Amino acid sequence: MDPVSKVPRKRTANYTAEEKSLLIQLMKKRPFLKSKLTDGKSIARKKMEWEIVTREFNRHSHIYKRDTLALKRAWENMSRRSRAPRRNLPRTDIGDSNTAPTPDIGTKVEE
């Protein structure tokens, strides 16, 4: 076994609601990051834009400093969790379901 793979991840502070809100605001300014394009130019542009998001995020003094990988992972988790309530809704043709997703930070992620 490779000893490098046994190194545990470093634990960081949990994201506060303020940090999540800031990340959402920054992502709204960068819609290209949500693009599904995977060609070389798009990947390079996404990498550059993630670096910009990281710099803007870390520029704020009242937050825990994060690296690009951590912000990317947080965004993916927030996006996945925002879609979860819709997956659990019953599928109907008439749309008269009484269950509605709870309004939270997830609705801001989808916008």
Protein backbone atom coordinates (compact mmCIF):
# COMPACT_ATOMS: atom_id res chain seq x y z
CA MET A 1 0.00 0.00 0.00
CA ASP A 2 1.12 3.51 -0.72
CA PRO A 3 1.79 5.40 2.55
CA VAL A 4 0.69 8.68 0.95
CA SER A 5 -2.88 7.42 0.60
CA LYS A 6 -3.06 6.82 4.37
CA VAL A 7 -2.53 10.49 5.26
CA PRO A 8 -5.75 11.77 6.86
CA ARG A 9 -7.36 14.92 5.55
CA LYS A 10 -6.81 18.05 7.54
CA ARG A 11 -9.95 19.09 9.40
CA THR A 12 -11.09 22.68 8.88
CA ALA A 13 -13.85 24.80 10.34
CA ASN A 14 -17.40 24.20 9.15
CA TYR A 15 -18.88 26.71 6.74
CA THR A 16 -21.02 29.34 8.44
CA ALA A 17 -24.25 30.58 6.89
CA GLU A 18 -22.45 33.83 6.10
CA GLU A 19 -19.68 31.97 4.25
CA LYS A 20 -22.21 29.93 2.28
CA SER A 21 -24.08 33.09 1.36
CA LEU A 22 -20.84 34.75 0.24
CA LEU A 23 -19.95 31.74 -1.92
CA ILE A 24 -23.41 31.85 -3.53
CA GLN A 25 -23.00 35.56 -4.30
CA LEU A 26 -19.58 34.97 -5.85
CA MET A 27 -20.88 32.07 -7.94
CA LYS A 28 -23.73 34.21 -9.30
CA LYS A 29 -21.08 36.51 -10.76
CA ARG A 30 -19.41 33.55 -12.49
CA PRO A 31 -22.11 31.59 -14.39
CA PHE A 32 -19.46 29.96 -16.60
CA LEU A 33 -18.40 27.80 -13.64
CA LYS A 34 -21.76 26.00 -13.87
CA SER A 35 -21.12 25.17 -17.54
CA LYS A 36 -20.82 21.50 -18.44
CA LEU A 37 -18.22 22.14 -21.15
CA THR A 38 -15.09 20.02 -20.74
CA ASP A 39 -12.83 21.05 -23.61
CA GLY A 40 -9.32 22.31 -22.88
CA LYS A 41 -10.14 26.02 -23.10
CA SER A 42 -13.18 25.67 -20.86
CA ILE A 43 -11.24 23.73 -18.23
CA ALA A 44 -8.50 26.38 -18.23
CA ARG A 45 -11.07 29.18 -17.95
CA LYS A 46 -12.89 27.41 -15.10
CA LYS A 47 -9.61 26.93 -13.26
CA MET A 48 -8.82 30.63 -13.64
CA GLU A 49 -12.31 31.65 -12.51
CA TRP A 50 -12.13 29.35 -9.46
CA GLU A 51 -8.87 31.06 -8.50
CA ILE A 52 -10.62 34.44 -8.76
CA VAL A 53 -13.52 33.19 -6.62
CA THR A 54 -11.01 31.93 -4.04
CA ARG A 55 -9.20 35.27 -3.91
CA GLU A 56 -12.48 37.20 -3.57
CA PHE A 57 -13.73 34.81 -0.89
CA ASN A 58 -10.51 35.01 1.15
CA ARG A 59 -10.36 38.79 0.82
CA HIS A 60 -13.09 39.10 3.44
CA SER A 61 -11.66 39.41 6.93
CA HIS A 62 -14.54 37.82 8.88
CA ILE A 63 -14.28 34.36 7.32
CA TYR A 64 -12.04 31.32 7.60
CA LYS A 65 -9.54 31.22 4.72
CA ARG A 66 -10.21 28.40 2.24
CA ASP A 67 -8.34 27.00 -0.72
CA THR A 68 -9.81 26.49 -4.18
CA LEU A 69 -10.41 22.77 -3.73
CA ALA A 70 -12.33 23.33 -0.49
CA LEU A 71 -14.55 26.00 -2.07
CA LYS A 72 -15.19 23.83 -5.11
CA ARG A 73 -16.14 20.88 -2.91
CA ALA A 74 -18.41 23.10 -0.77
CA TRP A 75 -20.16 24.42 -3.89
CA GLU A 76 -20.71 20.91 -5.23
CA ASN A 77 -22.15 19.79 -1.89
CA MET A 78 -24.43 22.82 -1.64
CA SER A 79 -25.65 22.29 -5.22
CA ARG A 80 -26.32 18.60 -4.60
CA ARG A 81 -28.21 19.30 -1.38
CA SER A 82 -30.32 21.99 -3.05
CA ARG A 83 -31.52 19.45 -5.63
CA ALA A 84 -32.35 16.75 -3.07
CA PRO A 85 -35.83 18.03 -2.09
CA ARG A 86 -36.92 17.99 -5.74
CA ARG A 87 -35.79 14.38 -6.14
CA ASN A 88 -38.01 13.36 -3.24
CA LEU A 89 -41.15 15.06 -4.53
CA PRO A 90 -43.80 12.79 -6.03
CA ARG A 91 -43.97 13.04 -9.80
CA THR A 92 -47.42 14.07 -10.96
CA ASP A 93 -48.76 15.38 -14.22
CA ILE A 94 -51.11 17.88 -12.60
CA GLY A 95 -48.69 19.27 -10.03
CA ASP A 96 -51.08 19.33 -7.07
CA SER A 97 -48.61 17.83 -4.62
CA ASN A 98 -48.98 19.06 -1.04
CA THR A 99 -45.31 18.61 -0.30
CA ALA A 100 -43.10 21.60 -0.97
CA PRO A 101 -39.37 21.91 -0.51
CA THR A 102 -38.33 23.83 2.55
CA PRO A 103 -37.06 27.31 1.72
CA ASP A 104 -33.46 27.61 2.78
CA ILE A 105 -30.07 28.41 1.38
CA GLY A 106 -30.62 25.76 -1.28
CA THR A 107 -33.06 27.95 -3.18
CA LYS A 108 -30.34 30.57 -3.53
CA VAL A 109 -27.94 28.01 -4.99
CA GLU A 110 -30.32 27.18 -7.83
CA GLU A 111 -30.75 30.78 -8.98
